[in-house]
Amino acid sequence: YDQITLLEEKLKQYCKVAYKIKVYPGQVHGFAQLKPEDMKPDDKPYI
């Protein structure tokens, strides 16, 4: 989480174009690639 916070701080400082950072609750690495049949019901809404 510290890395993400730092990214946010640095982008605020140096980035001159539109950017966005979003953290999805309870999700592990690789979560957004899962096919529907491989999703757990609790994770599905976030994916």
ModelCIF file with pLDDT and N, C-alpha, C, O atoms, coordinates in Angstrom:
data_MODEL
#
_entry.id   MODEL 
#
_entity.id                         1 
_entity.type                       polymer 
_entity.pdbx_number_of_molecules   1 
#
_entity_poly.entity_id                      1 
_entity_poly.type                           'polypeptide(L)' 
_entity_poly.nstd_linkage                   no 
_entity_poly.nstd_monomer                   no 
_entity_poly.pdbx_seq_one_letter_code       YDQITLLEEKLKQYCKVAYKIKVYPGQVHGFAQLKPEDMKPDDKPYI 
_entity_poly.pdbx_seq_one_letter_code_can   YDQITLLEEKLKQYCKVAYKIKVYPGQVHGFAQLKPEDMKPDDKPYI 
_entity_poly.pdbx_strand_id                 A 
#
loop_
_entity_poly_seq.entity_id 
_entity_poly_seq.num 
_entity_poly_seq.mon_id 
_entity_poly_seq.hetero 
1 1  TYR n 
1 2  ASP n 
1 3  GLN n 
1 4  ILE n 
1 5  THR n 
1 6  LEU n 
1 7  LEU n 
1 8  GLU n 
1 9  GLU n 
1 10 LYS n 
1 11 LEU n 
1 12 LYS n 
1 13 GLN n 
1 14 TYR n 
1 15 CYS n 
1 16 LYS n 
1 17 VAL n 
1 18 ALA n 
1 19 TYR n 
1 20 LYS n 
1 21 ILE n 
1 22 LYS n 
1 23 VAL n 
1 24 TYR n 
1 25 PRO n 
1 26 GLY n 
1 27 GLN n 
1 28 VAL n 
1 29 HIS n 
1 30 GLY n 
1 31 PHE n 
1 32 ALA n 
1 33 GLN n 
1 34 LEU n 
1 35 LYS n 
1 36 PRO n 
1 37 GLU n 
1 38 ASP n 
1 39 MET n 
1 40 LYS n 
1 41 PRO n 
1 42 ASP n 
1 43 ASP n 
1 44 LYS n 
1 45 PRO n 
1 46 TYR n 
1 47 ILE n 
#
_struct_asym.id          A 
_struct_asym.entity_id   1 
#
loop_
_ma_qa_metric.id 
_ma_qa_metric.mode 
_ma_qa_metric.name 
_ma_qa_metric.software_group_id 
_ma_qa_metric.type 
1 global pLDDT . pLDDT 
2 local  pLDDT . pLDDT 
#
_ma_qa_metric_global.metric_id      1 
_ma_qa_metric_global.metric_value   94.09 
_ma_qa_metric_global.model_id       1 
_ma_qa_metric_global.ordinal_id     1 
#
loop_
_ma_qa_metric_local.label_asym_id 
_ma_qa_metric_local.label_comp_id 
_ma_qa_metric_local.label_seq_id 
_ma_qa_metric_local.metric_id 
_ma_qa_metric_local.metric_value 
_ma_qa_metric_local.model_id 
_ma_qa_metric_local.ordinal_id 
A TYR 1  2 91.00 1 1  
A ASP 2  2 92.00 1 2  
A GLN 3  2 93.00 1 3  
A ILE 4  2 95.00 1 4  
A THR 5  2 94.00 1 5  
A LEU 6  2 92.00 1 6  
A LEU 7  2 95.00 1 7  
A GLU 8  2 95.00 1 8  
A GLU 9  2 94.00 1 9  
A LYS 10 2 94.00 1 10 
A LEU 11 2 95.00 1 11 
A LYS 12 2 95.00 1 12 
A GLN 13 2 94.00 1 13 
A TYR 14 2 93.00 1 14 
A CYS 15 2 95.00 1 15 
A LYS 16 2 96.00 1 16 
A VAL 17 2 98.00 1 17 
A ALA 18 2 98.00 1 18 
A TYR 19 2 98.00 1 19 
A LYS 20 2 98.00 1 20 
A ILE 21 2 98.00 1 21 
A LYS 22 2 98.00 1 22 
A VAL 23 2 98.00 1 23 
A TYR 24 2 98.00 1 24 
A PRO 25 2 96.00 1 25 
A GLY 26 2 95.00 1 26 
A GLN 27 2 95.00 1 27 
A VAL 28 2 92.00 1 28 
A HIS 29 2 92.00 1 29 
A GLY 30 2 92.00 1 30 
A PHE 31 2 94.00 1 31 
A ALA 32 2 95.00 1 32 
A GLN 33 2 93.00 1 33 
A LEU 34 2 90.00 1 34 
A LYS 35 2 89.00 1 35 
A PRO 36 2 89.00 1 36 
A GLU 37 2 89.00 1 37 
A ASP 38 2 89.00 1 38 
A MET 39 2 90.00 1 39 
A LYS 40 2 91.00 1 40 
A PRO 41 2 92.00 1 41 
A ASP 42 2 94.00 1 42 
A ASP 43 2 94.00 1 43 
A LYS 44 2 95.00 1 44 
A PRO 45 2 96.00 1 45 
A TYR 46 2 97.00 1 46 
A ILE 47 2 96.00 1 47 
#
loop_
_atom_site.group_PDB 
_atom_site.id 
_atom_site.type_symbol 
_atom_site.label_atom_id 
_atom_site.label_alt_id 
_atom_site.label_comp_id 
_atom_site.label_asym_id 
_atom_site.label_entity_id 
_atom_site.label_seq_id 
_atom_site.pdbx_PDB_ins_code 
_atom_site.Cartn_x 
_atom_site.Cartn_y 
_atom_site.Cartn_z 
_atom_site.occupancy 
_atom_site.B_iso_or_equiv 
_atom_site.pdbx_formal_charge 
_atom_site.auth_seq_id 
_atom_site.auth_comp_id 
_atom_site.auth_asym_id 
_atom_site.auth_atom_id 
_atom_site.pdbx_PDB_model_num 
ATOM 1   N N  . TYR A 1 1  ? 0.830   -1.201  0.000   1.00 91.00 ? 1  TYR A N  1 
ATOM 2   C CA . TYR A 1 1  ? 0.000   0.000   0.000   1.00 91.00 ? 1  TYR A CA 1 
ATOM 3   C C  . TYR A 1 1  ? 0.871   1.260   0.000   1.00 91.00 ? 1  TYR A C  1 
ATOM 4   O O  . TYR A 1 1  ? 0.499   2.282   -0.578  1.00 91.00 ? 1  TYR A O  1 
ATOM 5   N N  . ASP A 1 2  ? 2.032   1.177   0.653   1.00 92.00 ? 2  ASP A N  1 
ATOM 6   C CA . ASP A 1 2  ? 2.976   2.309   0.681   1.00 92.00 ? 2  ASP A CA 1 
ATOM 7   C C  . ASP A 1 2  ? 3.430   2.689   -0.729  1.00 92.00 ? 2  ASP A C  1 
ATOM 8   O O  . ASP A 1 2  ? 3.584   3.867   -1.050  1.00 92.00 ? 2  ASP A O  1 
ATOM 9   N N  . GLN A 1 3  ? 3.642   1.669   -1.561  1.00 93.00 ? 3  GLN A N  1 
ATOM 10  C CA . GLN A 1 3  ? 4.070   1.924   -2.937  1.00 93.00 ? 3  GLN A CA 1 
ATOM 11  C C  . GLN A 1 3  ? 2.990   2.685   -3.703  1.00 93.00 ? 3  GLN A C  1 
ATOM 12  O O  . GLN A 1 3  ? 3.280   3.607   -4.466  1.00 93.00 ? 3  GLN A O  1 
ATOM 13  N N  . ILE A 1 4  ? 1.741   2.282   -3.483  1.00 95.00 ? 4  ILE A N  1 
ATOM 14  C CA . ILE A 1 4  ? 0.620   2.924   -4.169  1.00 95.00 ? 4  ILE A CA 1 
ATOM 15  C C  . ILE A 1 4  ? 0.477   4.380   -3.699  1.00 95.00 ? 4  ILE A C  1 
ATOM 16  O O  . ILE A 1 4  ? 0.235   5.283   -4.500  1.00 95.00 ? 4  ILE A O  1 
ATOM 17  N N  . THR A 1 5  ? 0.629   4.582   -2.406  1.00 94.00 ? 5  THR A N  1 
ATOM 18  C CA . THR A 1 5  ? 0.560   5.940   -1.832  1.00 94.00 ? 5  THR A CA 1 
ATOM 19  C C  . THR A 1 5  ? 1.655   6.829   -2.416  1.00 94.00 ? 5  THR A C  1 
ATOM 20  O O  . THR A 1 5  ? 1.419   7.984   -2.771  1.00 94.00 ? 5  THR A O  1 
ATOM 21  N N  . LEU A 1 6  ? 2.863   6.262   -2.506  1.00 92.00 ? 6  LEU A N  1 
ATOM 22  C CA . LEU A 1 6  ? 3.983   7.003   -3.072  1.00 92.00 ? 6  LEU A CA 1 
ATOM 23  C C  . LEU A 1 6  ? 3.715   7.355   -4.537  1.00 92.00 ? 6  LEU A C  1 
ATOM 24  O O  . LEU A 1 6  ? 3.968   8.479   -4.971  1.00 92.00 ? 6  LEU A O  1 
ATOM 25  N N  . LEU A 1 7  ? 3.203   6.384   -5.289  1.00 95.00 ? 7  LEU A N  1 
ATOM 26  C CA . LEU A 1 7  ? 2.859   6.622   -6.694  1.00 95.00 ? 7  LEU A CA 1 
ATOM 27  C C  . LEU A 1 7  ? 1.906   7.807   -6.808  1.00 95.00 ? 7  LEU A C  1 
ATOM 28  O O  . LEU A 1 7  ? 2.077   8.683   -7.656  1.00 95.00 ? 7  LEU A O  1 
ATOM 29  N N  . GLU A 1 8  ? 0.905   7.817   -5.943  1.00 95.00 ? 8  GLU A N  1 
ATOM 30  C CA . GLU A 1 8  ? -0.088  8.890   -5.943  1.00 95.00 ? 8  GLU A CA 1 
ATOM 31  C C  . GLU A 1 8  ? 0.565   10.255  -5.660  1.00 95.00 ? 8  GLU A C  1 
ATOM 32  O O  . GLU A 1 8  ? 0.292   11.240  -6.346  1.00 95.00 ? 8  GLU A O  1 
ATOM 33  N N  . GLU A 1 9  ? 1.420   10.289  -4.652  1.00 94.00 ? 9  GLU A N  1 
ATOM 34  C CA . GLU A 1 9  ? 2.115   11.531  -4.287  1.00 94.00 ? 9  GLU A CA 1 
ATOM 35  C C  . GLU A 1 9  ? 2.981   12.051  -5.428  1.00 94.00 ? 9  GLU A C  1 
ATOM 36  O O  . GLU A 1 9  ? 2.981   13.241  -5.742  1.00 94.00 ? 9  GLU A O  1 
ATOM 37  N N  . LYS A 1 10 ? 3.718   11.128  -6.038  1.00 94.00 ? 10 LYS A N  1 
ATOM 38  C CA . LYS A 1 10 ? 4.651   11.509  -7.106  1.00 94.00 ? 10 LYS A CA 1 
ATOM 39  C C  . LYS A 1 10 ? 3.902   11.961  -8.365  1.00 94.00 ? 10 LYS A C  1 
ATOM 40  O O  . LYS A 1 10 ? 4.308   12.918  -9.023  1.00 94.00 ? 10 LYS A O  1 
ATOM 41  N N  . LEU A 1 11 ? 2.812   11.270  -8.694  1.00 95.00 ? 11 LEU A N  1 
ATOM 42  C CA . LEU A 1 11 ? 2.035   11.668  -9.867  1.00 95.00 ? 11 LEU A CA 1 
ATOM 43  C C  . LEU A 1 11 ? 1.459   13.065  -9.663  1.00 95.00 ? 11 LEU A C  1 
ATOM 44  O O  . LEU A 1 11 ? 1.443   13.883  -10.583 1.00 95.00 ? 11 LEU A O  1 
ATOM 45  N N  . LYS A 1 12 ? 0.989   13.326  -8.454  1.00 95.00 ? 12 LYS A N  1 
ATOM 46  C CA . LYS A 1 12 ? 0.448   14.645  -8.118  1.00 95.00 ? 12 LYS A CA 1 
ATOM 47  C C  . LYS A 1 12 ? 1.509   15.721  -8.379  1.00 95.00 ? 12 LYS A C  1 
ATOM 48  O O  . LYS A 1 12 ? 1.211   16.824  -8.837  1.00 95.00 ? 12 LYS A O  1 
ATOM 49  N N  . GLN A 1 13 ? 2.736   15.360  -8.073  1.00 94.00 ? 13 GLN A N  1 
ATOM 50  C CA . GLN A 1 13 ? 3.847   16.297  -8.190  1.00 94.00 ? 13 GLN A CA 1 
ATOM 51  C C  . GLN A 1 13 ? 4.338   16.484  -9.628  1.00 94.00 ? 13 GLN A C  1 
ATOM 52  O O  . GLN A 1 13 ? 4.601   17.610  -10.052 1.00 94.00 ? 13 GLN A O  1 
ATOM 53  N N  . TYR A 1 14 ? 4.464   15.371  -10.386 1.00 93.00 ? 14 TYR A N  1 
ATOM 54  C CA . TYR A 1 14 ? 5.154   15.424  -11.678 1.00 93.00 ? 14 TYR A CA 1 
ATOM 55  C C  . TYR A 1 14 ? 4.266   15.236  -12.911 1.00 93.00 ? 14 TYR A C  1 
ATOM 56  O O  . TYR A 1 14 ? 4.650   15.634  -14.010 1.00 93.00 ? 14 TYR A O  1 
ATOM 57  N N  . CYS A 1 15 ? 3.098   14.642  -12.744 1.00 95.00 ? 15 CYS A N  1 
ATOM 58  C CA . CYS A 1 15 ? 2.309   14.264  -13.919 1.00 95.00 ? 15 CYS A CA 1 
ATOM 59  C C  . CYS A 1 15 ? 1.471   15.440  -14.410 1.00 95.00 ? 15 CYS A C  1 
ATOM 60  O O  . CYS A 1 15 ? 0.754   16.070  -13.633 1.00 95.00 ? 15 CYS A O  1 
ATOM 61  N N  . LYS A 1 16 ? 1.570   15.732  -15.719 1.00 96.00 ? 16 LYS A N  1 
ATOM 62  C CA . LYS A 1 16 ? 0.868   16.883  -16.291 1.00 96.00 ? 16 LYS A CA 1 
ATOM 63  C C  . LYS A 1 16 ? -0.373  16.474  -17.082 1.00 96.00 ? 16 LYS A C  1 
ATOM 64  O O  . LYS A 1 16 ? -1.071  17.332  -17.623 1.00 96.00 ? 16 LYS A O  1 
ATOM 65  N N  . VAL A 1 17 ? -0.651  15.193  -17.153 1.00 98.00 ? 17 VAL A N  1 
ATOM 66  C CA . VAL A 1 17 ? -1.834  14.699  -17.904 1.00 98.00 ? 17 VAL A CA 1 
ATOM 67  C C  . VAL A 1 17 ? -2.812  14.027  -16.932 1.00 98.00 ? 17 VAL A C  1 
ATOM 68  O O  . VAL A 1 17 ? -2.519  13.863  -15.748 1.00 98.00 ? 17 VAL A O  1 
ATOM 69  N N  . ALA A 1 18 ? -3.963  13.647  -17.455 1.00 98.00 ? 18 ALA A N  1 
ATOM 70  C CA . ALA A 1 18 ? -4.961  12.980  -16.608 1.00 98.00 ? 18 ALA A CA 1 
ATOM 71  C C  . ALA A 1 18 ? -4.433  11.621  -16.144 1.00 98.00 ? 18 ALA A C  1 
ATOM 72  O O  . ALA A 1 18 ? -3.829  10.889  -16.928 1.00 98.00 ? 18 ALA A O  1 
ATOM 73  N N  . TYR A 1 19 ? -4.660  11.286  -14.880 1.00 98.00 ? 19 TYR A N  1 
ATOM 74  C CA . TYR A 1 19 ? -4.305  9.961   -14.369 1.00 98.00 ? 19 TYR A CA 1 
ATOM 75  C C  . TYR A 1 19 ? -5.315  9.581   -13.296 1.00 98.00 ? 19 TYR A C  1 
ATOM 76  O O  . TYR A 1 19 ? -6.045  10.421  -12.771 1.00 98.00 ? 19 TYR A O  1 
ATOM 77  N N  . LYS A 1 20 ? -5.331  8.298   -12.992 1.00 98.00 ? 20 LYS A N  1 
ATOM 78  C CA . LYS A 1 20 ? -6.250  7.813   -11.972 1.00 98.00 ? 20 LYS A CA 1 
ATOM 79  C C  . LYS A 1 20 ? -5.625  6.589   -11.316 1.00 98.00 ? 20 LYS A C  1 
ATOM 80  O O  . LYS A 1 20 ? -4.970  5.783   -11.978 1.00 98.00 ? 20 LYS A O  1 
ATOM 81  N N  . ILE A 1 21 ? -5.832  6.457   -10.012 1.00 98.00 ? 21 ILE A N  1 
ATOM 82  C CA . ILE A 1 21 ? -5.381  5.265   -9.274  1.00 98.00 ? 21 ILE A CA 1 
ATOM 83  C C  . ILE A 1 21 ? -6.597  4.729   -8.537  1.00 98.00 ? 21 ILE A C  1 
ATOM 84  O O  . ILE A 1 21 ? -7.320  5.483   -7.886  1.00 98.00 ? 21 ILE A O  1 
ATOM 85  N N  . LYS A 1 22 ? -6.818  3.432   -8.640  1.00 98.00 ? 22 LYS A N  1 
ATOM 86  C CA . LYS A 1 22 ? -7.949  2.848   -7.916  1.00 98.00 ? 22 LYS A CA 1 
ATOM 87  C C  . LYS A 1 22 ? -7.541  1.495   -7.339  1.00 98.00 ? 22 LYS A C  1 
ATOM 88  O O  . LYS A 1 22 ? -6.899  0.682   -8.005  1.00 98.00 ? 22 LYS A O  1 
ATOM 89  N N  . VAL A 1 23 ? -7.928  1.279   -6.091  1.00 98.00 ? 23 VAL A N  1 
ATOM 90  C CA . VAL A 1 23 ? -7.620  0.021   -5.390  1.00 98.00 ? 23 VAL A CA 1 
ATOM 91  C C  . VAL A 1 23 ? -8.940  -0.706  -5.135  1.00 98.00 ? 23 VAL A C  1 
ATOM 92  O O  . VAL A 1 23 ? -9.876  -0.126  -4.584  1.00 98.00 ? 23 VAL A O  1 
ATOM 93  N N  . TYR A 1 24 ? -9.013  -1.975  -5.536  1.00 98.00 ? 24 TYR A N  1 
ATOM 94  C CA . TYR A 1 24 ? -10.261 -2.743  -5.433  1.00 98.00 ? 24 TYR A CA 1 
ATOM 95  C C  . TYR A 1 24 ? -10.232 -3.621  -4.184  1.00 98.00 ? 24 TYR A C  1 
ATOM 96  O O  . TYR A 1 24 ? -9.312  -4.421  -4.014  1.00 98.00 ? 24 TYR A O  1 
ATOM 97  N N  . PRO A 1 25 ? -11.228 -3.481  -3.309  1.00 96.00 ? 25 PRO A N  1 
ATOM 98  C CA . PRO A 1 25 ? -11.242 -4.168  -2.008  1.00 96.00 ? 25 PRO A CA 1 
ATOM 99  C C  . PRO A 1 25 ? -11.108 -5.689  -2.123  1.00 96.00 ? 25 PRO A C  1 
ATOM 100 O O  . PRO A 1 25 ? -11.753 -6.335  -2.948  1.00 96.00 ? 25 PRO A O  1 
ATOM 101 N N  . GLY A 1 26 ? -10.241 -6.232  -1.259  1.00 95.00 ? 26 GLY A N  1 
ATOM 102 C CA . GLY A 1 26 ? -10.135 -7.683  -1.107  1.00 95.00 ? 26 GLY A CA 1 
ATOM 103 C C  . GLY A 1 26 ? -9.514  -8.434  -2.271  1.00 95.00 ? 26 GLY A C  1 
ATOM 104 O O  . GLY A 1 26 ? -9.477  -9.665  -2.255  1.00 95.00 ? 26 GLY A O  1 
ATOM 105 N N  . GLN A 1 27 ? -9.024  -7.721  -3.288  1.00 95.00 ? 27 GLN A N  1 
ATOM 106 C CA . GLN A 1 27 ? -8.566  -8.409  -4.494  1.00 95.00 ? 27 GLN A CA 1 
ATOM 107 C C  . GLN A 1 27 ? -7.072  -8.705  -4.477  1.00 95.00 ? 27 GLN A C  1 
ATOM 108 O O  . GLN A 1 27 ? -6.264  -7.878  -4.053  1.00 95.00 ? 27 GLN A O  1 
ATOM 109 N N  . VAL A 1 28 ? -6.718  -9.908  -4.950  1.00 92.00 ? 28 VAL A N  1 
ATOM 110 C CA . VAL A 1 28 ? -5.322  -10.344 -4.992  1.00 92.00 ? 28 VAL A CA 1 
ATOM 111 C C  . VAL A 1 28 ? -4.730  -10.051 -6.368  1.00 92.00 ? 28 VAL A C  1 
ATOM 112 O O  . VAL A 1 28 ? -5.433  -9.618  -7.281  1.00 92.00 ? 28 VAL A O  1 
ATOM 113 N N  . HIS A 1 29 ? -3.441  -10.292 -6.499  1.00 92.00 ? 29 HIS A N  1 
ATOM 114 C CA . HIS A 1 29 ? -2.737  -10.094 -7.766  1.00 92.00 ? 29 HIS A CA 1 
ATOM 115 C C  . HIS A 1 29 ? -3.387  -10.943 -8.863  1.00 92.00 ? 29 HIS A C  1 
ATOM 116 O O  . HIS A 1 29 ? -3.696  -12.115 -8.647  1.00 92.00 ? 29 HIS A O  1 
ATOM 117 N N  . GLY A 1 30 ? -3.589  -10.354 -10.016 1.00 92.00 ? 30 GLY A N  1 
ATOM 118 C CA . GLY A 1 30 ? -4.144  -11.109 -11.138 1.00 92.00 ? 30 GLY A CA 1 
ATOM 119 C C  . GLY A 1 30 ? -5.660  -11.162 -11.193 1.00 92.00 ? 30 GLY A C  1 
ATOM 120 O O  . GLY A 1 30 ? -6.217  -11.848 -12.049 1.00 92.00 ? 30 GLY A O  1 
ATOM 121 N N  . PHE A 1 31 ? -6.343  -10.452 -10.297 1.00 94.00 ? 31 PHE A N  1 
ATOM 122 C CA . PHE A 1 31 ? -7.794  -10.613 -10.173 1.00 94.00 ? 31 PHE A CA 1 
ATOM 123 C C  . PHE A 1 31 ? -8.579  -10.224 -11.428 1.00 94.00 ? 31 PHE A C  1 
ATOM 124 O O  . PHE A 1 31 ? -9.592  -10.852 -11.738 1.00 94.00 ? 31 PHE A O  1 
ATOM 125 N N  . ALA A 1 32 ? -8.130  -9.211  -12.144 1.00 95.00 ? 32 ALA A N  1 
ATOM 126 C CA . ALA A 1 32 ? -8.963  -8.653  -13.219 1.00 95.00 ? 32 ALA A CA 1 
ATOM 127 C C  . ALA A 1 32 ? -8.941  -9.471  -14.510 1.00 95.00 ? 32 ALA A C  1 
ATOM 128 O O  . ALA A 1 32 ? -9.681  -9.162  -15.444 1.00 95.00 ? 32 ALA A O  1 
ATOM 129 N N  . GLN A 1 33 ? -8.109  -10.503 -14.576 1.00 93.00 ? 33 GLN A N  1 
ATOM 130 C CA . GLN A 1 33 ? -8.045  -11.313 -15.791 1.00 93.00 ? 33 GLN A CA 1 
ATOM 131 C C  . GLN A 1 33 ? -8.987  -12.508 -15.781 1.00 93.00 ? 33 GLN A C  1 
ATOM 132 O O  . GLN A 1 33 ? -9.194  -13.141 -16.816 1.00 93.00 ? 33 GLN A O  1 
ATOM 133 N N  . LEU A 1 34 ? -9.557  -12.821 -14.630 1.00 90.00 ? 34 LEU A N  1 
ATOM 134 C CA . LEU A 1 34 ? -10.308 -14.069 -14.508 1.00 90.00 ? 34 LEU A CA 1 
ATOM 135 C C  . LEU A 1 34 ? -11.524 -14.116 -15.425 1.00 90.00 ? 34 LEU A C  1 
ATOM 136 O O  . LEU A 1 34 ? -12.248 -13.131 -15.572 1.00 90.00 ? 34 LEU A O  1 
ATOM 137 N N  . LYS A 1 35 ? -11.735 -15.274 -16.038 1.00 89.00 ? 35 LYS A N  1 
ATOM 138 C CA . LYS A 1 35 ? -12.928 -15.512 -16.851 1.00 89.00 ? 35 LYS A CA 1 
ATOM 139 C C  . LYS A 1 35 ? -14.113 -15.751 -15.906 1.00 89.00 ? 35 LYS A C  1 
ATOM 140 O O  . LYS A 1 35 ? -13.915 -16.208 -14.780 1.00 89.00 ? 35 LYS A O  1 
ATOM 141 N N  . PRO A 1 36 ? -15.347 -15.446 -16.348 1.00 89.00 ? 36 PRO A N  1 
ATOM 142 C CA . PRO A 1 36 ? -16.507 -15.540 -15.443 1.00 89.00 ? 36 PRO A CA 1 
ATOM 143 C C  . PRO A 1 36 ? -16.596 -16.843 -14.651 1.00 89.00 ? 36 PRO A C  1 
ATOM 144 O O  . PRO A 1 36 ? -16.917 -16.834 -13.462 1.00 89.00 ? 36 PRO A O  1 
ATOM 145 N N  . GLU A 1 37 ? -16.312 -17.961 -15.317 1.00 89.00 ? 37 GLU A N  1 
ATOM 146 C CA . GLU A 1 37 ? -16.460 -19.252 -14.631 1.00 89.00 ? 37 GLU A CA 1 
ATOM 147 C C  . GLU A 1 37 ? -15.352 -19.517 -13.608 1.00 89.00 ? 37 GLU A C  1 
ATOM 148 O O  . GLU A 1 37 ? -15.443 -20.453 -12.815 1.00 89.00 ? 37 GLU A O  1 
ATOM 149 N N  . ASP A 1 38 ? -14.297 -18.678 -13.633 1.00 89.00 ? 38 ASP A N  1 
ATOM 150 C CA . ASP A 1 38 ? -13.203 -18.840 -12.672 1.00 89.00 ? 38 ASP A CA 1 
ATOM 151 C C  . ASP A 1 38 ? -13.280 -17.843 -11.517 1.00 89.00 ? 38 ASP A C  1 
ATOM 152 O O  . ASP A 1 38 ? -12.412 -17.824 -10.645 1.00 89.00 ? 38 ASP A O  1 
ATOM 153 N N  . MET A 1 39 ? -14.322 -17.018 -11.518 1.00 90.00 ? 39 MET A N  1 
ATOM 154 C CA . MET A 1 39 ? -14.452 -16.002 -10.464 1.00 90.00 ? 39 MET A CA 1 
ATOM 155 C C  . MET A 1 39 ? -15.142 -16.575 -9.230  1.00 90.00 ? 39 MET A C  1 
ATOM 156 O O  . MET A 1 39 ? -16.070 -17.378 -9.334  1.00 90.00 ? 39 MET A O  1 
ATOM 157 N N  . LYS A 1 40 ? -14.679 -16.154 -8.081  1.00 91.00 ? 40 LYS A N  1 
ATOM 158 C CA . LYS A 1 40 ? -15.402 -16.489 -6.847  1.00 91.00 ? 40 LYS A CA 1 
ATOM 159 C C  . LYS A 1 40 ? -16.528 -15.458 -6.681  1.00 91.00 ? 40 LYS A C  1 
ATOM 160 O O  . LYS A 1 40 ? -16.340 -14.282 -6.993  1.00 91.00 ? 40 LYS A O  1 
ATOM 161 N N  . PRO A 1 41 ? -17.695 -15.895 -6.191  1.00 92.00 ? 41 PRO A N  1 
ATOM 162 C CA . PRO A 1 41 ? -18.835 -14.968 -6.087  1.00 92.00 ? 41 PRO A CA 1 
ATOM 163 C C  . PRO A 1 41 ? -18.540 -13.658 -5.353  1.00 92.00 ? 41 PRO A C  1 
ATOM 164 O O  . PRO A 1 41 ? -19.038 -12.602 -5.743  1.00 92.00 ? 41 PRO A O  1 
ATOM 165 N N  . ASP A 1 42 ? -17.725 -13.726 -4.285  1.00 94.00 ? 42 ASP A N  1 
ATOM 166 C CA . ASP A 1 42 ? -17.403 -12.509 -3.526  1.00 94.00 ? 42 ASP A CA 1 
ATOM 167 C C  . ASP A 1 42 ? -16.547 -11.525 -4.329  1.00 94.00 ? 42 ASP A C  1 
ATOM 168 O O  . ASP A 1 42 ? -16.617 -10.312 -4.133  1.00 94.00 ? 42 ASP A O  1 
ATOM 169 N N  . ASP A 1 43 ? -15.737 -12.080 -5.237  1.00 94.00 ? 43 ASP A N  1 
ATOM 170 C CA . ASP A 1 43 ? -14.819 -11.233 -6.008  1.00 94.00 ? 43 ASP A CA 1 
ATOM 171 C C  . ASP A 1 43 ? -15.461 -10.681 -7.279  1.00 94.00 ? 43 ASP A C  1 
ATOM 172 O O  . ASP A 1 43 ? -15.045 -9.646  -7.798  1.00 94.00 ? 43 ASP A O  1 
ATOM 173 N N  . LYS A 1 44 ? -16.474 -11.382 -7.768  1.00 95.00 ? 44 LYS A N  1 
ATOM 174 C CA . LYS A 1 44 ? -17.075 -11.060 -9.068  1.00 95.00 ? 44 LYS A CA 1 
ATOM 175 C C  . LYS A 1 44 ? -17.425 -9.579  -9.240  1.00 95.00 ? 44 LYS A C  1 
ATOM 176 O O  . LYS A 1 44 ? -17.067 -8.993  -10.261 1.00 95.00 ? 44 LYS A O  1 
ATOM 177 N N  . PRO A 1 45 ? -18.122 -8.944  -8.262  1.00 96.00 ? 45 PRO A N  1 
ATOM 178 C CA . PRO A 1 45 ? -18.475 -7.528  -8.453  1.00 96.00 ? 45 PRO A CA 1 
ATOM 179 C C  . PRO A 1 45 ? -17.256 -6.621  -8.646  1.00 96.00 ? 45 PRO A C  1 
ATOM 180 O O  . PRO A 1 45 ? -17.302 -5.666  -9.422  1.00 96.00 ? 45 PRO A O  1 
ATOM 181 N N  . TYR A 1 46 ? -16.169 -6.926  -7.935  1.00 97.00 ? 46 TYR A N  1 
ATOM 182 C CA . TYR A 1 46 ? -14.970 -6.089  -8.035  1.00 97.00 ? 46 TYR A CA 1 
ATOM 183 C C  . TYR A 1 46 ? -14.251 -6.321  -9.357  1.00 97.00 ? 46 TYR A C  1 
ATOM 184 O O  . TYR A 1 46 ? -13.727 -5.385  -9.959  1.00 97.00 ? 46 TYR A O  1 
ATOM 185 N N  . ILE A 1 47 ? -14.229 -7.571  -9.803  1.00 96.00 ? 47 ILE A N  1 
ATOM 186 C CA . ILE A 1 47 ? -13.596 -7.896  -11.088 1.00 96.00 ? 47 ILE A CA 1 
ATOM 187 C C  . ILE A 1 47 ? -14.364 -7.191  -12.209 1.00 96.00 ? 47 ILE A C  1 
ATOM 188 O O  . ILE A 1 47 ? -14.008 -7.323  -13.379 1.00 96.00 ? 47 ILE A O  1 
#
